[in-house]
């Protein structure tokens, strides 16, 4: 839990550190962030989500071993849906880099 709290403060701090030089630009210039920042945030969120699903599934299997097959199937389905959404968002970030 302590690691998650650190990340919650580190990521916005890093974004604010990157924004500070951009705010000093002259009027009329636009600020463009790299899509790689978006890809990094996407991967971080997907990793945390799948880790949370896995932890909850293992804990519930330990409490009810007779339902472990159903729990495992639900865990794999949820992880696959998260991965699908992650790959789609990553593809959008990569296309934004090209275009």
Protein backbone atom coordinates (compact mmCIF):
# COMPACT_ATOMS: atom_id res chain seq x y z
CA UNK A 1 0.00 0.00 0.00
CA UNK A 2 2.85 2.34 0.76
CA UNK A 3 4.21 1.93 -2.77
CA UNK A 4 0.86 2.94 -4.29
CA UNK A 5 0.74 6.09 -2.18
CA UNK A 6 4.26 7.01 -3.31
CA UNK A 7 3.26 6.53 -6.95
CA UNK A 8 0.16 8.68 -6.47
CA UNK A 9 2.41 11.55 -5.42
CA UNK A 10 5.31 10.83 -7.76
CA UNK A 11 3.38 10.75 -11.06
CA UNK A 12 1.59 14.12 -10.63
CA UNK A 13 4.85 15.61 -9.35
CA UNK A 14 6.68 14.45 -12.46
CA UNK A 15 3.94 15.84 -14.70
CA UNK A 16 4.07 19.19 -12.90
CA UNK A 17 7.86 19.27 -13.27
CA UNK A 18 7.45 18.78 -17.01
CA UNK A 19 4.74 21.43 -17.25
CA UNK A 20 6.73 24.19 -15.51
CA UNK A 21 9.02 24.99 -18.48
CA UNK A 22 6.05 24.87 -20.84
CA UNK A 23 4.19 27.50 -18.82
CA UNK A 24 7.07 29.93 -19.37
CA UNK A 25 6.52 29.97 -23.14
CA UNK A 26 5.40 33.02 -25.02
CA UNK A 27 1.73 33.56 -25.72
CA UNK A 28 0.39 31.85 -28.81
CA UNK A 29 2.54 28.74 -28.63
CA UNK A 30 0.90 25.42 -27.91
CA UNK A 31 1.91 22.81 -25.38
CA UNK A 32 2.15 19.24 -26.65
CA UNK A 33 2.86 16.31 -24.38
CA UNK A 34 4.50 13.22 -25.71
CA UNK A 35 2.18 10.25 -26.18
CA UNK A 36 4.79 8.17 -24.40
CA UNK A 37 3.66 9.74 -21.12
CA UNK A 38 0.16 8.51 -21.85
CA UNK A 39 1.47 5.05 -22.70
CA UNK A 40 3.37 4.92 -19.42
CA UNK A 41 0.30 5.90 -17.41
CA UNK A 42 -1.75 3.30 -19.28
CA UNK A 43 0.73 0.52 -18.48
CA UNK A 44 0.97 1.61 -14.84
CA UNK A 45 -2.80 1.54 -14.44
CA UNK A 46 -3.15 -1.83 -16.14
CA UNK A 47 -0.42 -3.35 -14.02
CA UNK A 48 -1.99 -2.10 -10.81
CA UNK A 49 -5.44 -3.29 -11.89
CA UNK A 50 -4.31 -6.80 -12.76
CA UNK A 51 -2.30 -7.01 -9.53
CA UNK A 52 -5.38 -6.04 -7.55
CA UNK A 53 -7.47 -8.69 -9.35
CA UNK A 54 -4.84 -11.35 -8.70
CA UNK A 55 -4.52 -10.48 -5.02
CA UNK A 56 -8.28 -10.56 -4.51
CA UNK A 57 -8.59 -13.86 -6.39
CA UNK A 58 -5.87 -15.58 -4.38
CA UNK A 59 -7.37 -14.32 -1.13
CA UNK A 60 -10.84 -15.54 -2.06
CA UNK A 61 -9.45 -18.93 -3.17
CA UNK A 62 -7.80 -19.27 0.21
CA UNK A 63 -11.10 -18.57 1.95
CA UNK A 64 -13.20 -20.87 -0.25
CA UNK A 65 -11.09 -23.57 -1.91
CA UNK A 66 -14.14 -25.31 -3.34
CA UNK A 67 -14.91 -22.27 -5.53
CA UNK A 68 -11.38 -21.85 -6.86
CA UNK A 69 -12.28 -22.93 -10.42
CA UNK A 70 -14.98 -20.28 -10.78
CA UNK A 71 -12.79 -17.63 -9.18
CA UNK A 72 -9.86 -18.47 -11.47
CA UNK A 73 -12.08 -18.22 -14.55
CA UNK A 74 -13.44 -14.86 -13.48
CA UNK A 75 -9.95 -13.60 -12.74
CA UNK A 76 -8.65 -14.62 -16.17
CA UNK A 77 -11.65 -13.03 -17.89
CA UNK A 78 -11.23 -9.74 -16.01
CA UNK A 79 -7.48 -9.66 -16.68
CA UNK A 80 -8.08 -10.31 -20.38
CA UNK A 81 -10.57 -7.43 -20.57
CA UNK A 82 -8.10 -5.10 -18.87
CA UNK A 83 -5.34 -6.19 -21.26
CA UNK A 84 -7.61 -5.59 -24.26
CA UNK A 85 -8.41 -2.06 -23.13
CA UNK A 86 -4.72 -1.46 -22.40
CA UNK A 87 -3.64 -2.58 -25.86
CA UNK A 88 -6.28 -0.38 -27.48
CA UNK A 89 -5.16 2.68 -25.49
CA UNK A 90 -1.51 1.89 -26.21
CA UNK A 91 -2.31 1.66 -29.91
CA UNK A 92 -4.01 5.07 -29.77
CA UNK A 93 -0.88 6.53 -28.13
CA UNK A 94 1.34 5.00 -30.79
CA UNK A 95 -0.88 6.34 -33.58
CA UNK A 96 -0.78 9.78 -31.98
CA UNK A 97 3.02 9.61 -32.14
CA UNK A 98 2.95 8.82 -35.85
CA UNK A 99 0.33 11.40 -36.81
